């Protein structure tokens, strides 16, 4: 069973066709014959577990640093640069120091994740 599932995943990864996209034949308007593609979310329980484990590892890598935790949450809200700095109420020096610490820790995690 394991090898069958593994082979199916490998086939899907190298296939030029995305199995998660549904394409309708044509719109209702007969003059416009443009196909419409709709994405379909296919998160598996394994994907959800992996995501939760990665988030837990990120927060563990922060080591209880409150500034890094605030920066991560600000970035998660889609704010970067001056906007994030203003939201946090930090000066440029504090923001850059926290950003550099966070990026170093995230790069260390990336190296760990690539080796596993």
PDB file of N, CA and C in Angstrom:
ATOM      1  N   UNK A   1       0.825  -1.188   0.000  1.00  0.00           N
ATOM      2  CA  UNK A   1       0.000   0.000   0.000  1.00  0.00           C
ATOM      3  C   UNK A   1       0.869   1.252   0.000  1.00  0.00           C
ATOM      4  N   UNK A   2       1.941   1.219   0.816  1.00  0.00           N
ATOM      5  CA  UNK A   2       2.786   2.401   0.916  1.00  0.00           C
ATOM      6  C   UNK A   2       3.405   2.746  -0.437  1.00  0.00           C
ATOM      7  N   UNK A   3       3.913   1.737  -1.163  1.00  0.00           N
ATOM      8  CA  UNK A   3       4.575   2.015  -2.441  1.00  0.00           C
ATOM      9  C   UNK A   3       3.577   2.508  -3.482  1.00  0.00           C
ATOM     10  N   UNK A   4       2.341   2.027  -3.441  1.00  0.00           N
ATOM     11  CA  UNK A   4       1.319   2.495  -4.378  1.00  0.00           C
ATOM     12  C   UNK A   4       1.019   3.967  -4.122  1.00  0.00           C
ATOM     13  N   UNK A   5       0.834   4.341  -2.869  1.00  0.00           N
ATOM     14  CA  UNK A   5       0.560   5.735  -2.529  1.00  0.00           C
ATOM     15  C   UNK A   5       1.759   6.619  -2.867  1.00  0.00           C
ATOM     16  N   UNK A   6       2.963   6.128  -2.592  1.00  0.00           N
ATOM     17  CA  UNK A   6       4.165   6.889  -2.886  1.00  0.00           C
ATOM     18  C   UNK A   6       4.301   7.135  -4.384  1.00  0.00           C
ATOM     19  N   UNK A   7       4.073   6.101  -5.176  1.00  0.00           N
ATOM     20  CA  UNK A   7       4.159   6.249  -6.625  1.00  0.00           C
ATOM     21  C   UNK A   7       3.104   7.214  -7.157  1.00  0.00           C
ATOM     22  N   UNK A   8       1.904   7.173  -6.591  1.00  0.00           N
ATOM     23  CA  UNK A   8       0.849   8.088  -7.027  1.00  0.00           C
ATOM     24  C   UNK A   8       1.236   9.533  -6.723  1.00  0.00           C
ATOM     25  N   UNK A   9       1.809   9.781  -5.545  1.00  0.00           N
ATOM     26  CA  UNK A   9       2.235  11.140  -5.193  1.00  0.00           C
ATOM     27  C   UNK A   9       3.353  11.613  -6.115  1.00  0.00           C
ATOM     28  N   UNK A  10       4.327  10.751  -6.385  1.00  0.00           N
ATOM     29  CA  UNK A  10       5.428  11.128  -7.270  1.00  0.00           C
ATOM     30  C   UNK A  10       4.903  11.442  -8.670  1.00  0.00           C
ATOM     31  N   UNK A  11       3.968  10.640  -9.146  1.00  0.00           N
ATOM     32  CA  UNK A  11       3.384  10.872 -10.467  1.00  0.00           C
ATOM     33  C   UNK A  11       2.678  12.226 -10.499  1.00  0.00           C
ATOM     34  N   UNK A  12       1.916  12.536  -9.459  1.00  0.00           N
ATOM     35  CA  UNK A  12       1.194  13.800  -9.408  1.00  0.00           C
ATOM     36  C   UNK A  12       2.145  14.989  -9.322  1.00  0.00           C
ATOM     37  N   UNK A  13       3.289  14.821  -8.646  1.00  0.00           N
ATOM     38  CA  UNK A  13       4.252  15.915  -8.505  1.00  0.00           C
ATOM     39  C   UNK A  13       4.902  16.273  -9.836  1.00  0.00           C
ATOM     40  N   UNK A  14       5.148  15.297 -10.685  1.00  0.00           N
ATOM     41  CA  UNK A  14       5.826  15.573 -11.953  1.00  0.00           C
ATOM     42  C   UNK A  14       4.857  15.745 -13.114  1.00  0.00           C
ATOM     43  N   UNK A  15       3.585  15.544 -12.882  1.00  0.00           N
ATOM     44  CA  UNK A  15       2.591  15.663 -13.943  1.00  0.00           C
ATOM     45  C   UNK A  15       2.364  17.131 -14.308  1.00  0.00           C
ATOM     46  N   UNK A  16       2.230  17.442 -15.599  1.00  0.00           N
ATOM     47  CA  UNK A  16       1.958  18.820 -16.002  1.00  0.00           C
ATOM     48  C   UNK A  16       0.517  19.246 -15.707  1.00  0.00           C
ATOM     49  N   UNK A  17      -0.318  18.293 -15.342  1.00  0.00           N
ATOM     50  CA  UNK A  17      -1.723  18.583 -15.068  1.00  0.00           C
ATOM     51  C   UNK A  17      -1.927  18.651 -13.566  1.00  0.00           C
ATOM     52  N   UNK A  18      -2.497  19.755 -13.113  1.00  0.00           N
ATOM     53  CA  UNK A  18      -2.771  19.931 -11.691  1.00  0.00           C
ATOM     54  C   UNK A  18      -4.106  19.270 -11.384  1.00  0.00           C
ATOM     55  N   UNK A  19      -4.077  18.206 -10.617  1.00  0.00           N
ATOM     56  CA  UNK A  19      -5.296  17.452 -10.326  1.00  0.00           C
ATOM     57  C   UNK A  19      -6.250  18.207  -9.416  1.00  0.00           C
ATOM     58  N   UNK A  20      -5.778  19.300  -8.816  1.00  0.00           N
ATOM     59  CA  UNK A  20      -6.591  20.049  -7.878  1.00  0.00           C
ATOM     60  C   UNK A  20      -7.314  21.233  -8.517  1.00  0.00           C
ATOM     61  N   UNK A  21      -7.229  21.354  -9.830  1.00  0.00           N
ATOM     62  CA  UNK A  21      -7.916  22.439 -10.527  1.00  0.00           C
ATOM     63  C   UNK A  21      -9.041  21.844 -11.350  1.00  0.00           C
ATOM     64  N   UNK A  22     -10.234  22.392 -11.162  1.00  0.00           N
ATOM     65  CA  UNK A  22     -11.404  21.944 -11.909  1.00  0.00           C
ATOM     66  C   UNK A  22     -11.651  22.955 -13.025  1.00  0.00           C
ATOM     67  N   UNK A  23     -11.776  22.497 -14.248  1.00  0.00           N
ATOM     68  CA  UNK A  23     -12.011  23.391 -15.382  1.00  0.00           C
ATOM     69  C   UNK A  23     -13.405  23.137 -15.927  1.00  0.00           C
ATOM     70  N   UNK A  24     -14.208  24.202 -15.957  1.00  0.00           N
ATOM     71  CA  UNK A  24     -15.530  24.101 -16.562  1.00  0.00           C
ATOM     72  C   UNK A  24     -15.362  24.248 -18.067  1.00  0.00           C
ATOM     73  N   UNK A  25     -16.225  23.603 -18.818  1.00  0.00           N
ATOM     74  CA  UNK A  25     -16.101  23.642 -20.275  1.00  0.00           C
ATOM     75  C   UNK A  25     -16.190  25.073 -20.793  1.00  0.00           C
ATOM     76  N   UNK A  26     -17.306  25.741 -20.599  1.00  0.00           N
ATOM     77  CA  UNK A  26     -17.470  27.110 -21.073  1.00  0.00           C
ATOM     78  C   UNK A  26     -18.498  27.820 -20.224  1.00  0.00           C
ATOM     79  N   UNK A  27     -18.418  29.142 -20.232  1.00  0.00           N
ATOM     80  CA  UNK A  27     -19.408  29.952 -19.527  1.00  0.00           C
ATOM     81  C   UNK A  27     -20.758  29.814 -20.224  1.00  0.00           C
ATOM     82  N   UNK A  28     -21.814  30.335 -19.595  1.00  0.00           N
ATOM     83  CA  UNK A  28     -23.161  30.257 -20.150  1.00  0.00           C
ATOM     84  C   UNK A  28     -23.302  31.093 -21.416  1.00  0.00           C
ATOM     85  N   UNK A  29     -22.556  32.198 -21.518  1.00  0.00           N
ATOM     86  CA  UNK A  29     -22.623  33.069 -22.688  1.00  0.00           C
ATOM     87  C   UNK A  29     -21.947  32.368 -23.862  1.00  0.00           C
ATOM     88  N   UNK A  30     -22.662  32.106 -24.923  1.00  0.00           N
ATOM     89  CA  UNK A  30     -22.117  31.355 -26.051  1.00  0.00           C
ATOM     90  C   UNK A  30     -21.122  32.160 -26.870  1.00  0.00           C
ATOM     91  N   UNK A  31     -21.159  33.505 -26.777  1.00  0.00           N
ATOM     92  CA  UNK A  31     -20.217  34.330 -27.524  1.00  0.00           C
ATOM     93  C   UNK A  31     -18.813  34.259 -26.908  1.00  0.00           C
ATOM     94  N   UNK A  32     -18.752  34.118 -25.592  1.00  0.00           N
ATOM     95  CA  UNK A  32     -17.475  34.053 -24.898  1.00  0.00           C
ATOM     96  C   UNK A  32     -17.156  32.592 -24.625  1.00  0.00           C
ATOM     97  N   UNK A  33     -16.233  32.016 -25.365  1.00  0.00           N
ATOM     98  CA  UNK A  33     -15.888  30.600 -25.247  1.00  0.00           C
ATOM     99  C   UNK A  33     -14.596  30.406 -24.451  1.00  0.00           C
ATOM    100  N   UNK A  34     -14.404  31.222 -23.409  1.00  0.00           N
ATOM    101  CA  UNK A  34     -13.205  31.143 -22.589  1.00  0.00           C
ATOM    102  C   UNK A  34     -13.423  30.162 -21.442  1.00  0.00           C
ATOM    103  N   UNK A  35     -12.563  29.159 -21.316  1.00  0.00           N
ATOM    104  CA  UNK A  35     -12.714  28.232 -20.185  1.00  0.00           C
ATOM    105  C   UNK A  35     -12.434  28.942 -18.861  1.00  0.00           C
ATOM    106  N   UNK A  36     -13.099  28.494 -17.828  1.00  0.00           N
ATOM    107  CA  UNK A  36     -12.939  29.075 -16.505  1.00  0.00           C
ATOM    108  C   UNK A  36     -12.365  28.007 -15.577  1.00  0.00           C
ATOM    109  N   UNK A  37     -11.284  28.330 -14.867  1.00  0.00           N
ATOM    110  CA  UNK A  37     -10.668  27.378 -13.941  1.00  0.00           C
ATOM    111  C   UNK A  37     -10.999  27.776 -12.515  1.00  0.00           C
ATOM    112  N   UNK A  38     -11.333  26.789 -11.705  1.00  0.00           N
ATOM    113  CA  UNK A  38     -11.630  27.013 -10.296  1.00  0.00           C
ATOM    114  C   UNK A  38     -10.730  26.099  -9.476  1.00  0.00           C
ATOM    115  N   UNK A  39     -10.038  26.678  -8.493  1.00  0.00           N
ATOM    116  CA  UNK A  39      -9.195  25.877  -7.613  1.00  0.00           C
ATOM    117  C   UNK A  39     -10.035  25.158  -6.576  1.00  0.00           C
ATOM    118  N   UNK A  40      -9.496  24.084  -6.077  1.00  0.00           N
ATOM    119  CA  UNK A  40     -10.183  23.279  -5.079  1.00  0.00           C
ATOM    120  C   UNK A  40      -9.184  22.992  -3.966  1.00  0.00           C
ATOM    121  N   UNK A  41      -9.552  23.298  -2.729  1.00  0.00           N
ATOM    122  CA  UNK A  41      -8.657  23.063  -1.604  1.00  0.00           C
ATOM    123  C   UNK A  41      -8.648  21.573  -1.272  1.00  0.00           C
ATOM    124  N   UNK A  42      -7.464  21.038  -1.181  1.00  0.00           N
ATOM    125  CA  UNK A  42      -7.337  19.610  -0.881  1.00  0.00           C
ATOM    126  C   UNK A  42      -6.319  19.390   0.231  1.00  0.00           C
ATOM    127  N   UNK A  43      -6.534  20.041   1.355  1.00  0.00           N
ATOM    128  CA  UNK A  43      -5.635  19.854   2.495  1.00  0.00           C
ATOM    129  C   UNK A  43      -5.952  18.523   3.158  1.00  0.00           C
ATOM    130  N   UNK A  44      -4.920  17.743   3.331  1.00  0.00           N
ATOM    131  CA  UNK A  44      -5.079  16.441   3.971  1.00  0.00           C
ATOM    132  C   UNK A  44      -4.822  16.589   5.467  1.00  0.00           C
ATOM    133  N   UNK A  45      -5.218  15.618   6.259  1.00  0.00           N
ATOM    134  CA  UNK A  45      -4.887  15.667   7.687  1.00  0.00           C
ATOM    135  C   UNK A  45      -3.372  15.751   7.925  1.00  0.00           C
ATOM    136  N   UNK A  46      -2.596  15.117   7.050  1.00  0.00           N
ATOM    137  CA  UNK A  46      -1.140  15.179   7.182  1.00  0.00           C
ATOM    138  C   UNK A  46      -0.637  16.602   6.944  1.00  0.00           C
ATOM    139  N   UNK A  47      -1.241  17.314   5.972  1.00  0.00           N
ATOM    140  CA  UNK A  47      -0.866  18.705   5.709  1.00  0.00           C
ATOM    141  C   UNK A  47      -1.159  19.578   6.924  1.00  0.00           C
ATOM    142  N   UNK A  48      -2.317  19.387   7.523  1.00  0.00           N
ATOM    143  CA  UNK A  48      -2.696  20.174   8.690  1.00  0.00           C
ATOM    144  C   UNK A  48      -1.753  19.905   9.861  1.00  0.00           C
ATOM    145  N   UNK A  49      -1.438  18.633  10.094  1.00  0.00           N
ATOM    146  CA  UNK A  49      -0.519  18.274  11.173  1.00  0.00           C
ATOM    147  C   UNK A  49       0.864  18.857  10.934  1.00  0.00           C
ATOM    148  N   UNK A  50       1.340  18.769   9.700  1.00  0.00           N
ATOM    149  CA  UNK A  50       2.650  19.310   9.358  1.00  0.00           C
ATOM    150  C   UNK A  50       2.685  20.820   9.595  1.00  0.00           C
ATOM    151  N   UNK A  51       1.631  21.515   9.200  1.00  0.00           N
ATOM    152  CA  UNK A  51       1.557  22.955   9.416  1.00  0.00           C
ATOM    153  C   UNK A  51       1.594  23.312  10.889  1.00  0.00           C
ATOM    154  N   UNK A  52       0.839  22.566  11.688  1.00  0.00           N
ATOM    155  CA  UNK A  52       0.824  22.821  13.133  1.00  0.00           C
ATOM    156  C   UNK A  52       2.197  22.566  13.752  1.00  0.00           C
ATOM    157  N   UNK A  53       2.874  21.503  13.294  1.00  0.00           N
ATOM    158  CA  UNK A  53       4.200  21.198  13.817  1.00  0.00           C
ATOM    159  C   UNK A  53       5.203  22.287  13.435  1.00  0.00           C
ATOM    160  N   UNK A  54       5.094  22.797  12.220  1.00  0.00           N
ATOM    161  CA  UNK A  54       6.006  23.846  11.782  1.00  0.00           C
ATOM    162  C   UNK A  54       5.784  25.140  12.565  1.00  0.00           C
ATOM    163  N   UNK A  55       4.523  25.497  12.808  1.00  0.00           N
ATOM    164  CA  UNK A  55       4.230  26.693  13.602  1.00  0.00           C
ATOM    165  C   UNK A  55       4.781  26.524  15.016  1.00  0.00           C
ATOM    166  N   UNK A  56       4.613  25.338  15.601  1.00  0.00           N
ATOM    167  CA  UNK A  56       5.132  25.083  16.945  1.00  0.00           C
ATOM    168  C   UNK A  56       6.651  25.220  16.962  1.00  0.00           C
ATOM    169  N   UNK A  57       7.331  24.730  15.917  1.00  0.00           N
ATOM    170  CA  UNK A  57       8.785  24.847  15.846  1.00  0.00           C
ATOM    171  C   UNK A  57       9.218  26.301  15.695  1.00  0.00           C
ATOM    172  N   UNK A  58       8.451  27.074  14.950  1.00  0.00           N
ATOM    173  CA  UNK A  58       8.777  28.498  14.787  1.00  0.00           C
ATOM    174  C   UNK A  58       8.681  29.206  16.128  1.00  0.00           C
ATOM    175  N   UNK A  59       7.582  28.981  16.842  1.00  0.00           N
ATOM    176  CA  UNK A  59       7.436  29.638  18.140  1.00  0.00           C
ATOM    177  C   UNK A  59       8.473  29.139  19.149  1.00  0.00           C
ATOM    178  N   UNK A  60       8.865  27.875  19.064  1.00  0.00           N
ATOM    179  CA  UNK A  60       9.918  27.364  19.945  1.00  0.00           C
ATOM    180  C   UNK A  60      11.257  28.034  19.618  1.00  0.00           C
ATOM    181  N   UNK A  61      11.484  28.304  18.326  1.00  0.00           N
ATOM    182  CA  UNK A  61      12.729  28.955  17.905  1.00  0.00           C
ATOM    183  C   UNK A  61      12.809  30.399  18.387  1.00  0.00           C
ATOM    184  N   UNK A  62      11.665  31.000  18.676  1.00  0.00           N
ATOM    185  CA  UNK A  62      11.666  32.381  19.165  1.00  0.00           C
ATOM    186  C   UNK A  62      12.244  32.463  20.566  1.00  0.00           C
ATOM    187  N   UNK A  63      12.236  31.357  21.281  1.00  0.00           N
ATOM    188  CA  UNK A  63      12.861  31.287  22.591  1.00  0.00           C
ATOM    189  C   UNK A  63      12.274  32.224  23.623  1.00  0.00           C
ATOM    190  N   UNK A  64      10.979  32.503  23.537  1.00  0.00           N
ATOM    191  CA  UNK A  64      10.334  33.357  24.518  1.00  0.00           C
ATOM    192  C   UNK A  64      10.610  34.846  24.314  1.00  0.00           C
ATOM    193  N   UNK A  65      11.253  35.213  23.207  1.00  0.00           N
ATOM    194  CA  UNK A  65      11.542  36.619  22.910  1.00  0.00           C
ATOM    195  C   UNK A  65      10.243  37.309  22.494  1.00  0.00           C
ATOM    196  N   UNK A  66       9.745  38.169  23.378  1.00  0.00           N
ATOM    197  CA  UNK A  66       8.449  38.815  23.153  1.00  0.00           C
ATOM    198  C   UNK A  66       8.466  39.689  21.902  1.00  0.00           C
ATOM    199  N   UNK A  67       9.573  40.383  21.652  1.00  0.00           N
ATOM    200  CA  UNK A  67       9.659  41.241  20.472  1.00  0.00           C
ATOM    201  C   UNK A  67       9.541  40.417  19.185  1.00  0.00           C
ATOM    202  N   UNK A  68      10.198  39.252  19.159  1.00  0.00           N
ATOM    203  CA  UNK A  68      10.115  38.404  17.968  1.00  0.00           C
ATOM    204  C   UNK A  68       8.709  37.863  17.780  1.00  0.00           C
ATOM    205  N   UNK A  69       8.046  37.529  18.873  1.00  0.00           N
ATOM    206  CA  UNK A  69       6.661  37.063  18.789  1.00  0.00           C
ATOM    207  C   UNK A  69       5.754  38.130  18.209  1.00  0.00           C
ATOM    208  N   UNK A  70       5.933  39.369  18.642  1.00  0.00           N
ATOM    209  CA  UNK A  70       5.132  40.476  18.106  1.00  0.00           C
ATOM    210  C   UNK A  70       5.428  40.696  16.622  1.00  0.00           C
ATOM    211  N   UNK A  71       6.703  40.583  16.256  1.00  0.00           N
ATOM    212  CA  UNK A  71       7.087  40.764  14.859  1.00  0.00           C
ATOM    213  C   UNK A  71       6.489  39.670  13.979  1.00  0.00           C
ATOM    214  N   UNK A  72       6.519  38.430  14.447  1.00  0.00           N
ATOM    215  CA  UNK A  72       5.929  37.326  13.686  1.00  0.00           C
ATOM    216  C   UNK A  72       4.437  37.561  13.471  1.00  0.00           C
ATOM    217  N   UNK A  73       3.742  37.981  14.518  1.00  0.00           N
ATOM    218  CA  UNK A  73       2.302  38.230  14.383  1.00  0.00           C
ATOM    219  C   UNK A  73       2.025  39.387  13.431  1.00  0.00           C
ATOM    220  N   UNK A  74       2.867  40.412  13.465  1.00  0.00           N
ATOM    221  CA  UNK A  74       2.696  41.548  12.560  1.00  0.00           C
ATOM    222  C   UNK A  74       2.932  41.110  11.122  1.00  0.00           C
ATOM    223  N   UNK A  75       3.972  40.336  10.895  1.00  0.00           N
ATOM    224  CA  UNK A  75       4.234  39.824   9.551  1.00  0.00           C
ATOM    225  C   UNK A  75       3.110  38.910   9.083  1.00  0.00           C
ATOM    226  N   UNK A  76       2.561  38.107   9.996  1.00  0.00           N
ATOM    227  CA  UNK A  76       1.458  37.211   9.640  1.00  0.00           C
ATOM    228  C   UNK A  76       0.228  38.005   9.198  1.00  0.00           C
ATOM    229  N   UNK A  77       0.093  39.232   9.716  1.00  0.00           N
ATOM    230  CA  UNK A  77      -1.011  40.103   9.300  1.00  0.00           C
ATOM    231  C   UNK A  77      -0.726  40.797   7.978  1.00  0.00           C
ATOM    232  N   UNK A  78       0.433  40.509   7.373  1.00  0.00           N
ATOM    233  CA  UNK A  78       0.753  41.044   6.058  1.00  0.00           C
ATOM    234  C   UNK A  78       1.463  42.385   6.072  1.00  0.00           C
ATOM    235  N   UNK A  79       1.898  42.836   7.232  1.00  0.00           N
ATOM    236  CA  UNK A  79       2.587  44.123   7.318  1.00  0.00           C
ATOM    237  C   UNK A  79       4.089  43.911   7.271  1.00  0.00           C
ATOM    238  N   UNK A  80       4.777  44.787   6.566  1.00  0.00           N
ATOM    239  CA  UNK A  80       6.233  44.742   6.465  1.00  0.00           C
ATOM    240  C   UNK A  80       6.779  46.163   6.565  1.00  0.00           C
ATOM    241  N   UNK A  81       8.064  46.265   6.793  1.00  0.00           N
ATOM    242  CA  UNK A  81       8.773  47.531   6.750  1.00  0.00           C
ATOM    243  C   UNK A  81       8.206  48.603   7.662  1.00  0.00           C
ATOM    244  N   UNK A  82       8.059  49.810   7.087  1.00  0.00           N
ATOM    245  CA  UNK A  82       7.621  50.974   7.858  1.00  0.00           C
ATOM    246  C   UNK A  82       6.241  50.762   8.475  1.00  0.00           C
ATOM    247  N   UNK A  83       5.361  50.091   7.742  1.00  0.00           N
ATOM    248  CA  UNK A  83       4.007  49.841   8.265  1.00  0.00           C
ATOM    249  C   UNK A  83       4.067  48.975   9.525  1.00  0.00           C
ATOM    250  N   UNK A  84       4.869  47.919   9.481  1.00  0.00           N
ATOM    251  CA  UNK A  84       5.012  47.042  10.653  1.00  0.00           C
ATOM    252  C   UNK A  84       5.669  47.793  11.802  1.00  0.00           C
ATOM    253  N   UNK A  85       6.677  48.582  11.485  1.00  0.00           N
ATOM    254  CA  UNK A  85       7.388  49.348  12.510  1.00  0.00           C
ATOM    255  C   UNK A  85       6.444  50.333  13.203  1.00  0.00           C
ATOM    256  N   UNK A  86       5.622  51.005  12.425  1.00  0.00           N
ATOM    257  CA  UNK A  86       4.667  51.961  13.000  1.00  0.00           C
ATOM    258  C   UNK A  86       3.614  51.247  13.843  1.00  0.00           C
ATOM    259  N   UNK A  87       3.139  50.121  13.368  1.00  0.00           N
ATOM    260  CA  UNK A  87       2.139  49.356  14.114  1.00  0.00           C
ATOM    261  C   UNK A  87       2.693  48.906  15.461  1.00  0.00           C
ATOM    262  N   UNK A  88       3.947  48.475  15.462  1.00  0.00           N
ATOM    263  CA  UNK A  88       4.580  48.012  16.697  1.00  0.00           C
ATOM    264  C   UNK A  88       5.028  49.164  17.594  1.00  0.00           C
ATOM    265  N   UNK A  89       5.140  50.364  17.028  1.00  0.00           N
ATOM    266  CA  UNK A  89       5.592  51.515  17.801  1.00  0.00           C
ATOM    267  C   UNK A  89       7.083  51.489  18.073  1.00  0.00           C
ATOM    268  N   UNK A  90       7.851  50.852  17.187  1.00  0.00           N
ATOM    269  CA  UNK A  90       9.286  50.718  17.350  1.00  0.00           C
ATOM    270  C   UNK A  90      10.010  51.744  16.488  1.00  0.00           C
ATOM    271  N   UNK A  91      11.219  52.101  16.912  1.00  0.00           N
ATOM    272  CA  UNK A  91      12.054  52.925  16.044  1.00  0.00           C
ATOM    273  C   UNK A  91      12.744  52.002  15.033  1.00  0.00           C
ATOM    274  N   UNK A  92      13.393  52.611  14.054  1.00  0.00           N
ATOM    275  CA  UNK A  92      13.991  51.829  12.974  1.00  0.00           C
ATOM    276  C   UNK A  92      15.085  50.885  13.478  1.00  0.00           C
ATOM    277  N   UNK A  93      15.864  51.332  14.435  1.00  0.00           N
ATOM    278  CA  UNK A  93      16.958  50.502  14.966  1.00  0.00           C
ATOM    279  C   UNK A  93      16.417  49.248  15.656  1.00  0.00           C
ATOM    280  N   UNK A  94      15.383  49.407  16.486  1.00  0.00           N
ATOM    281  CA  UNK A  94      14.801  48.258  17.187  1.00  0.00           C
ATOM    282  C   UNK A  94      14.161  47.290  16.196  1.00  0.00           C
ATOM    283  N   UNK A  95      13.462  47.838  15.204  1.00  0.00           N
ATOM    284  CA  UNK A  95      12.806  46.984  14.200  1.00  0.00           C
ATOM    285  C   UNK A  95      13.842  46.178  13.425  1.00  0.00           C
ATOM    286  N   UNK A  96      14.905  46.849  12.962  1.00  0.00           N
ATOM    287  CA  UNK A  96      15.932  46.143  12.189  1.00  0.00           C
ATOM    288  C   UNK A  96      16.638  45.073  13.013  1.00  0.00           C
ATOM    289  N   UNK A  97      16.895  45.366  14.280  1.00  0.00           N
ATOM    290  CA  UNK A  97      17.550  44.374  15.150  1.00  0.00           C
ATOM    291  C   UNK A  97      16.649  43.149  15.333  1.00  0.00           C
ATOM    292  N   UNK A  98      15.364  43.377  15.595  1.00  0.00           N
ATOM    293  CA  UNK A  98      14.428  42.256  15.774  1.00  0.00           C
ATOM    294  C   UNK A  98      14.261  41.480  14.475  1.00  0.00           C
ATOM    295  N   UNK A  99      14.164  42.190  13.362  1.00  0.00           N
ATOM    296  CA  UNK A  99      14.006  41.533  12.055  1.00  0.00           C
ATOM    297  C   UNK A  99      15.212  40.653  11.766  1.00  0.00           C
ATOM    298  N   UNK A 100      16.401  41.156  12.008  1.00  0.00           N
ATOM    299  CA  UNK A 100      17.603  40.356  11.754  1.00  0.00           C
ATOM    300  C   UNK A 100      17.678  39.135  12.661  1.00  0.00           C
ATOM    301  N   UNK A 101      17.330  39.287  13.948  1.00  0.00           N
ATOM    302  CA  UNK A 101      17.307  38.126  14.860  1.00  0.00           C
ATOM    303  C   UNK A 101      16.310  37.084  14.361  1.00  0.00           C
ATOM    304  N   UNK A 102      15.126  37.548  13.963  1.00  0.00           N
ATOM    305  CA  UNK A 102      14.091  36.626  13.483  1.00  0.00           C
ATOM    306  C   UNK A 102      14.548  35.907  12.217  1.00  0.00           C
ATOM    307  N   UNK A 103      15.107  36.633  11.281  1.00  0.00           N
ATOM    308  CA  UNK A 103      15.549  36.003  10.030  1.00  0.00           C
ATOM    309  C   UNK A 103      16.658  34.978  10.275  1.00  0.00           C
ATOM    310  N   UNK A 104      17.564  35.269  11.208  1.00  0.00           N
ATOM    311  CA  UNK A 104      18.610  34.281  11.541  1.00  0.00           C
ATOM    312  C   UNK A 104      17.991  33.006  12.097  1.00  0.00           C
ATOM    313  N   UNK A 105      17.023  33.155  12.972  1.00  0.00           N
ATOM    314  CA  UNK A 105      16.381  31.970  13.569  1.00  0.00           C
ATOM    315  C   UNK A 105      15.567  31.202  12.536  1.00  0.00           C
ATOM    316  N   UNK A 106      14.896  31.915  11.639  1.00  0.00           N
ATOM    317  CA  UNK A 106      14.126  31.239  10.595  1.00  0.00           C
ATOM    318  C   UNK A 106      15.051  30.535   9.610  1.00  0.00           C
ATOM    319  N   UNK A 107      16.187  31.138   9.290  1.00  0.00           N
ATOM    320  CA  UNK A 107      17.156  30.483   8.404  1.00  0.00           C
ATOM    321  C   UNK A 107      17.709  29.217   9.037  1.00  0.00           C
ATOM    322  N   UNK A 108      17.915  29.245  10.353  1.00  0.00           N
ATOM    323  CA  UNK A 108      18.391  28.034  11.053  1.00  0.00           C
ATOM    324  C   UNK A 108      17.332  26.940  10.962  1.00  0.00           C
ATOM    325  N   UNK A 109      16.056  27.310  11.112  1.00  0.00           N
ATOM    326  CA  UNK A 109      14.981  26.317  10.979  1.00  0.00           C
ATOM    327  C   UNK A 109      14.926  25.776   9.559  1.00  0.00           C
ATOM    328  N   UNK A 110      15.091  26.645   8.582  1.00  0.00           N
ATOM    329  CA  UNK A 110      15.044  26.212   7.178  1.00  0.00           C
ATOM    330  C   UNK A 110      16.134  25.185   6.905  1.00  0.00           C
ATOM    331  N   UNK A 111      17.311  25.412   7.470  1.00  0.00           N
ATOM    332  CA  UNK A 111      18.411  24.459   7.300  1.00  0.00           C
ATOM    333  C   UNK A 111      18.060  23.121   7.939  1.00  0.00           C
ATOM    334  N   UNK A 112      17.438  23.154   9.128  1.00  0.00           N
ATOM    335  CA  UNK A 112      17.015  21.907   9.792  1.00  0.00           C
ATOM    336  C   UNK A 112      15.981  21.170   8.958  1.00  0.00           C
ATOM    337  N   UNK A 113      14.998  21.914   8.429  1.00  0.00           N
ATOM    338  CA  UNK A 113      13.909  21.289   7.670  1.00  0.00           C
ATOM    339  C   UNK A 113      14.418  20.697   6.362  1.00  0.00           C
ATOM    340  N   UNK A 114      15.409  21.303   5.761  1.00  0.00           N
ATOM    341  CA  UNK A 114      15.942  20.774   4.502  1.00  0.00           C
ATOM    342  C   UNK A 114      16.735  19.502   4.733  1.00  0.00           C
ATOM    343  N   UNK A 115      17.330  19.374   5.907  1.00  0.00           N
ATOM    344  CA  UNK A 115      18.157  18.191   6.180  1.00  0.00           C
ATOM    345  C   UNK A 115      17.326  16.976   6.572  1.00  0.00           C
ATOM    346  N   UNK A 116      16.022  17.191   6.893  1.00  0.00           N
ATOM    347  CA  UNK A 116      15.206  16.044   7.285  1.00  0.00           C
ATOM    348  C   UNK A 116      14.397  15.520   6.136  1.00  0.00           C
TER     349      UNK A 116
END
